[in-house]
Amino acid sequence: EEIAGVTGNRLVTGCVLEPGCRVHGNVELADTHVLSGAAVVGCGSVRCPEAAVSGAREGHGLDLLDGTADVEVGPEAGGGRVVRVNVDSTLVDVCHQLDMDGGGTGGIVAPLVSHGAAPGTSGPTVNVLCPGSAILHTPRVEHVYLGPGARIDSAASVASCLLGPGSRVEGGSTVSHALLQWEASISSGSDAHHVFLMERSAVGPHSFTANAIYGPDSHVSGGEVHCTVFGPNANSHHQSLLIGILWPLGRGNVGYGSNVGSNHTGRIPDQETSVGEGTFWGLGSV
């Protein structure tokens, strides 16, 4: 696997394989640009169908060319607030879009990261693996961009994802429509869909998350997080549940078995709850 070259593949079509890359033992490799020093080893199907590219752009606002995606937070039943994020966005940008920074009430208006590709452009219809990145022993991968040093290793399925430098998806995880900043990770049998992970945030082991934004250095382990802005340096432990939480300042903890939302005891879907900095939910709290 460490030897540069192309060996033992059943089908390779529509690809650009640069000198110094490693492509070994794959069932199907199509529509993929593997730069020098990158690797695709022991995988099932690695491809980039046009339907996946257009579906991600039109249905979820995800475009790998300019690194943008739409994430809907707030009420779980829908009708929440759609946040337009870029792979370089910060929580300042997120709060500005949610009107949580005082910009609409005479306070300081947050500076926004300038997003957007050149007029008339559209997302690439090829997978891109930058130098030092790798896709290893994964049965299904489609429509991905891997930055330098990023890895998909023994995942179950990865579709429509951008992995920043040093980020990882591994250990039987299933991921779709996701942006991962540098050193972020999804691991150990976790499911993550329509998510944005900021630098060094982590999902896993055995976690489920959908429609969520994770601040830097946040971590969910063995729990569920839905329709939530999960602030920096916050932790959610095993068997905990967060739904419809806006927690942009984070720096808190969600204990074992906690159920945090705005309507866990009722029959209608959860609504939305704003939470302050440093909140600590104890074991089994509701």
Protein backbone atom coordinates (compact mmCIF):
# COMPACT_ATOMS: atom_id res chain seq x y z
CA GLU A 1 0.00 0.00 0.00
CA GLU A 2 2.94 2.35 0.51
CA ILE A 3 4.30 1.80 -3.01
CA ALA A 4 3.39 4.41 -5.61
CA GLY A 5 1.59 3.02 -8.63
CA VAL A 6 -1.68 1.63 -9.94
CA THR A 7 -2.23 -2.10 -9.35
CA GLY A 8 -4.98 -4.68 -8.86
CA ASN A 9 -7.96 -2.49 -9.72
CA ARG A 10 -10.98 -3.95 -11.54
CA LEU A 11 -12.12 -0.73 -13.21
CA VAL A 12 -10.49 2.70 -13.51
CA THR A 13 -12.26 5.19 -15.76
CA GLY A 14 -12.37 8.95 -16.25
CA CYS A 15 -9.59 9.58 -13.71
CA VAL A 16 -6.47 11.73 -13.45
CA LEU A 17 -3.79 9.80 -11.58
CA GLU A 18 -0.69 11.89 -11.03
CA PRO A 19 2.82 10.42 -10.68
CA GLY A 20 3.51 9.42 -7.09
CA CYS A 21 -0.08 8.52 -6.17
CA ARG A 22 -1.10 5.09 -4.84
CA VAL A 23 -4.14 3.34 -6.30
CA HIS A 24 -4.32 -0.34 -5.35
CA GLY A 25 -6.94 -3.07 -5.06
CA ASN A 26 -10.14 -1.10 -5.73
CA VAL A 27 -13.30 -2.45 -7.35
CA GLU A 28 -14.26 0.79 -9.14
CA LEU A 29 -12.53 4.15 -9.39
CA ALA A 30 -14.21 6.74 -11.60
CA ASP A 31 -14.25 10.52 -12.06
CA THR A 32 -11.47 11.08 -9.54
CA HIS A 33 -8.36 13.24 -9.51
CA VAL A 34 -5.67 11.70 -7.30
CA LEU A 35 -2.75 14.08 -6.80
CA SER A 36 0.82 13.01 -6.10
CA GLY A 37 1.17 11.55 -2.61
CA ALA A 38 -2.54 10.73 -2.26
CA ALA A 39 -3.94 7.20 -2.06
CA VAL A 40 -7.03 5.14 -2.85
CA VAL A 41 -6.57 1.62 -1.52
CA GLY A 42 -8.87 -1.37 -1.00
CA CYS A 43 -12.15 0.42 -1.70
CA GLY A 44 -15.40 -0.67 -3.34
CA SER A 45 -16.91 2.12 -5.47
CA VAL A 46 -15.25 5.55 -5.53
CA ARG A 47 -16.95 7.81 -8.05
CA CYS A 48 -18.59 11.20 -8.61
CA PRO A 49 -21.91 10.92 -10.47
CA GLU A 50 -23.44 14.08 -11.87
CA ALA A 51 -26.70 13.30 -10.06
CA ALA A 52 -24.93 13.44 -6.69
CA VAL A 53 -23.30 16.78 -7.50
CA SER A 54 -26.49 18.46 -8.71
CA GLY A 55 -28.60 16.90 -5.95
CA ALA A 56 -26.28 18.17 -3.24
CA ARG A 57 -26.23 21.67 -4.72
CA GLU A 58 -29.95 22.01 -5.39
CA GLY A 59 -31.30 20.09 -2.40
CA HIS A 60 -28.81 21.05 0.32
CA GLY A 61 -26.94 24.10 -0.95
CA LEU A 62 -23.69 22.13 -0.84
CA ASP A 63 -21.10 23.06 -3.43
CA LEU A 64 -17.58 21.71 -3.12
CA LEU A 65 -16.21 24.33 -5.51
CA ASP A 66 -16.82 27.23 -3.11
CA GLY A 67 -17.10 25.06 0.04
CA THR A 68 -20.59 26.12 1.06
CA ALA A 69 -23.61 24.31 2.50
CA ASP A 70 -26.98 25.04 4.09
CA VAL A 71 -27.67 23.75 7.62
CA GLU A 72 -31.17 24.11 9.11
CA VAL A 73 -31.15 24.58 12.88
CA GLY A 74 -33.96 25.27 15.35
CA PRO A 75 -37.36 23.52 15.35
CA GLU A 76 -36.99 19.85 14.54
CA ALA A 77 -40.28 19.77 12.63
CA GLY A 78 -38.95 22.20 10.05
CA GLY A 79 -39.48 25.89 9.51
CA GLY A 80 -36.29 26.59 11.41
CA ARG A 81 -33.47 28.86 10.38
CA VAL A 82 -31.23 27.95 7.48
CA VAL A 83 -27.61 28.95 8.07
CA ARG A 84 -25.40 29.33 5.02
CA VAL A 85 -21.94 28.16 6.07
CA ASN A 86 -18.62 28.13 4.31
CA VAL A 87 -15.78 25.78 5.17
CA ASP A 88 -13.94 28.84 6.56
CA SER A 89 -16.91 30.16 8.58
CA THR A 90 -16.65 30.86 12.29
CA LEU A 91 -19.28 30.99 15.03
CA VAL A 92 -19.26 34.75 14.57
CA ASP A 93 -20.63 34.22 11.06
CA VAL A 94 -23.20 31.73 12.33
CA CYS A 95 -24.42 34.08 15.09
CA HIS A 96 -24.68 36.94 12.62
CA GLN A 97 -27.01 34.92 10.39
CA LEU A 98 -29.09 33.92 13.42
CA ASP A 99 -29.31 37.56 14.62
CA MET A 100 -27.64 36.58 17.88
CA ASP A 101 -24.77 39.10 17.75
CA GLY A 102 -26.65 42.35 18.30
CA GLY A 103 -26.38 43.36 14.65
CA GLY A 104 -30.12 43.93 14.38
CA THR A 105 -30.48 45.89 17.64
CA GLY A 106 -27.81 48.53 17.31
CA GLY A 107 -24.94 46.40 18.60
CA ILE A 108 -21.70 45.53 16.91
CA VAL A 109 -22.20 43.97 13.50
CA ALA A 110 -19.99 40.92 13.02
CA PRO A 111 -17.67 40.75 10.00
CA LEU A 112 -18.66 38.01 7.61
CA VAL A 113 -16.40 35.72 5.61
CA SER A 114 -16.80 36.49 1.92
CA HIS A 115 -18.16 33.43 0.13
CA GLY A 116 -19.02 32.44 -3.40
CA ALA A 117 -17.44 31.18 -6.58
CA ALA A 118 -16.99 33.16 -9.78
CA PRO A 119 -20.20 33.84 -11.75
CA GLY A 120 -21.22 31.01 -14.03
CA THR A 121 -19.22 28.33 -12.23
CA SER A 122 -20.55 25.14 -10.71
CA GLY A 123 -19.28 22.36 -8.48
CA PRO A 124 -16.71 19.95 -9.89
CA THR A 125 -17.91 16.61 -11.18
CA VAL A 126 -14.79 14.82 -9.97
CA ASN A 127 -13.55 13.69 -6.60
CA VAL A 128 -10.33 15.46 -5.59
CA LEU A 129 -7.64 14.00 -3.32
CA CYS A 130 -4.92 16.50 -2.36
CA PRO A 131 -1.35 15.41 -1.52
CA GLY A 132 -1.15 13.28 1.61
CA SER A 133 -4.87 12.47 1.66
CA ALA A 134 -6.27 8.94 1.43
CA ILE A 135 -9.42 6.89 0.95
CA LEU A 136 -8.85 3.44 2.47
CA HIS A 137 -10.98 0.28 2.74
CA THR A 138 -14.35 2.00 2.31
CA PRO A 139 -17.10 0.32 0.25
CA ARG A 140 -18.82 3.49 -1.05
CA VAL A 141 -17.49 7.00 -1.61
CA GLU A 142 -18.94 9.62 -3.94
CA HIS A 143 -18.65 13.36 -4.50
CA VAL A 144 -15.85 14.23 -2.07
CA TYR A 145 -12.98 16.67 -1.71
CA LEU A 146 -10.10 15.73 0.59
CA GLY A 147 -7.65 18.44 1.64
CA PRO A 148 -4.00 17.73 2.43
CA GLY A 149 -3.66 14.95 5.00
CA ALA A 150 -7.42 14.24 5.20
CA ARG A 151 -8.47 10.58 5.44
CA ILE A 152 -11.49 8.37 4.90
CA ASP A 153 -10.52 5.09 6.54
CA SER A 154 -12.78 2.04 6.89
CA ALA A 155 -15.96 4.14 6.82
CA ALA A 156 -19.28 2.58 5.80
CA SER A 157 -20.36 5.27 3.32
CA VAL A 158 -19.28 8.85 2.56
CA ALA A 159 -21.17 11.07 0.11
CA SER A 160 -21.04 14.78 -0.75
CA CYS A 161 -18.42 15.80 1.81
CA LEU A 162 -15.55 18.25 2.03
CA LEU A 163 -12.75 17.27 4.41
CA GLY A 164 -10.32 20.01 5.38
CA PRO A 165 -6.62 19.42 6.10
CA GLY A 166 -6.04 16.64 8.60
CA SER A 167 -9.73 15.83 9.09
CA ARG A 168 -10.97 12.22 9.28
CA VAL A 169 -14.00 10.01 8.68
CA GLU A 170 -13.33 6.50 9.92
CA GLY A 171 -14.38 3.37 11.77
CA GLY A 172 -17.64 2.34 10.08
CA SER A 173 -19.17 5.82 10.07
CA THR A 174 -21.85 6.94 7.61
CA VAL A 175 -21.58 10.58 6.53
CA SER A 176 -23.37 12.72 3.94
CA HIS A 177 -23.57 16.41 3.06
CA ALA A 178 -20.89 17.51 5.51
CA LEU A 179 -18.18 20.16 5.77
CA LEU A 180 -15.24 19.38 8.08
CA GLN A 181 -12.68 22.02 8.96
CA TRP A 182 -9.07 21.14 9.76
CA GLU A 183 -8.48 18.27 12.22
CA ALA A 184 -12.23 17.59 12.68
CA SER A 185 -13.30 13.95 12.92
CA ILE A 186 -16.27 11.58 12.67
CA SER A 187 -15.44 8.13 14.00
CA SER A 188 -16.41 4.74 15.40
CA GLY A 189 -19.75 3.87 13.88
CA SER A 190 -21.25 7.37 13.96
CA ASP A 191 -23.92 8.76 11.61
CA ALA A 192 -23.62 12.40 10.52
CA HIS A 193 -25.80 14.11 7.93
CA HIS A 194 -26.09 17.80 6.95
CA VAL A 195 -23.46 18.92 9.46
CA PHE A 196 -20.67 21.46 9.71
CA LEU A 197 -17.75 20.63 12.02
CA MET A 198 -15.36 23.44 12.89
CA GLU A 199 -11.70 22.96 13.73
CA ARG A 200 -10.81 20.02 16.00
CA SER A 201 -14.44 19.17 16.76
CA ALA A 202 -15.30 15.48 17.02
CA VAL A 203 -18.35 13.26 16.58
CA GLY A 204 -17.97 9.74 17.97
CA PRO A 205 -17.81 7.10 19.06
CA HIS A 206 -21.32 5.77 18.27
CA SER A 207 -23.04 9.13 17.86
CA PHE A 208 -25.88 10.30 15.65
CA THR A 209 -26.19 13.86 14.43
CA ALA A 210 -28.16 15.69 11.76
CA ASN A 211 -28.60 19.36 10.83
CA ALA A 212 -26.03 20.56 13.33
CA ILE A 213 -23.16 23.04 13.55
CA TYR A 214 -20.26 22.20 15.87
CA GLY A 215 -17.97 24.91 17.23
CA PRO A 216 -14.21 24.46 17.65
CA ASP A 217 -13.04 21.75 20.08
CA SER A 218 -16.58 20.48 20.74
CA HIS A 219 -17.26 16.76 21.17
CA VAL A 220 -20.28 14.47 21.16
CA SER A 221 -19.66 10.92 22.36
CA GLY A 222 -22.33 8.24 22.18
CA GLY A 223 -25.20 10.72 22.04
CA GLU A 224 -27.56 12.41 19.59
CA VAL A 225 -27.52 16.02 18.42
CA HIS A 226 -30.16 17.39 16.03
CA CYS A 227 -30.97 20.83 14.61
CA THR A 228 -28.47 22.40 17.00
CA VAL A 229 -25.69 24.98 17.16
CA PHE A 230 -23.24 23.24 19.52
CA GLY A 231 -20.78 25.83 20.76
CA PRO A 232 -17.01 25.66 21.33
CA ASN A 233 -15.43 23.52 24.05
CA ALA A 234 -18.74 21.80 24.79
CA ASN A 235 -19.16 18.08 25.43
CA SER A 236 -22.15 15.78 25.15
CA HIS A 237 -21.75 12.34 26.68
CA HIS A 238 -23.19 8.89 26.02
CA GLN A 239 -26.94 8.40 25.85
CA SER A 240 -27.58 12.15 25.90
CA LEU A 241 -29.90 13.96 23.49
CA LEU A 242 -29.96 17.55 22.24
CA ILE A 243 -32.66 18.83 19.89
CA GLY A 244 -33.24 22.39 18.68
CA ILE A 245 -30.57 23.97 20.93
CA LEU A 246 -28.89 27.27 20.02
CA TRP A 247 -25.73 27.27 22.14
CA PRO A 248 -23.19 29.42 20.29
CA LEU A 249 -21.01 30.23 23.32
CA GLY A 250 -20.77 26.61 24.48
CA ARG A 251 -18.14 25.82 27.13
CA GLY A 252 -20.47 23.47 28.94
CA ASN A 253 -21.34 19.84 29.45
CA VAL A 254 -24.28 17.51 28.78
CA GLY A 255 -24.22 14.59 31.21
CA TYR A 256 -25.08 10.93 30.75
CA GLY A 257 -28.74 10.37 29.86
CA SER A 258 -29.70 14.05 29.64
CA ASN A 259 -32.59 15.01 27.35
CA VAL A 260 -32.19 18.64 26.38
CA GLY A 261 -34.75 20.43 24.20
CA SER A 262 -37.91 22.45 24.54
CA ASN A 263 -40.62 19.78 24.47
CA HIS A 264 -39.30 16.34 25.37
CA THR A 265 -42.34 15.55 27.51
CA GLY A 266 -44.97 16.47 24.91
CA ARG A 267 -46.33 14.85 21.79
CA ILE A 268 -45.41 17.55 19.29
CA PRO A 269 -41.89 17.91 17.85
CA ASP A 270 -39.33 19.96 19.73
CA GLN A 271 -39.17 23.69 19.14
CA GLU A 272 -36.12 25.82 19.92
CA THR A 273 -34.13 26.74 23.02
CA SER A 274 -31.36 29.31 23.46
CA VAL A 275 -28.70 28.40 26.01
CA GLY A 276 -26.05 30.55 27.66
CA GLU A 277 -22.34 30.05 28.10
CA GLY A 278 -21.07 27.49 30.60
CA THR A 279 -24.31 25.56 31.12
CA PHE A 280 -23.92 22.15 32.78
CA TRP A 281 -26.69 19.55 32.50
CA GLY A 282 -26.26 16.80 35.09
CA LEU A 283 -26.84 13.07 34.76
CA GLY A 284 -30.32 12.20 33.52
CA SER A 285 -31.60 15.76 33.51
CA VAL A 286 -34.60 16.64 31.31
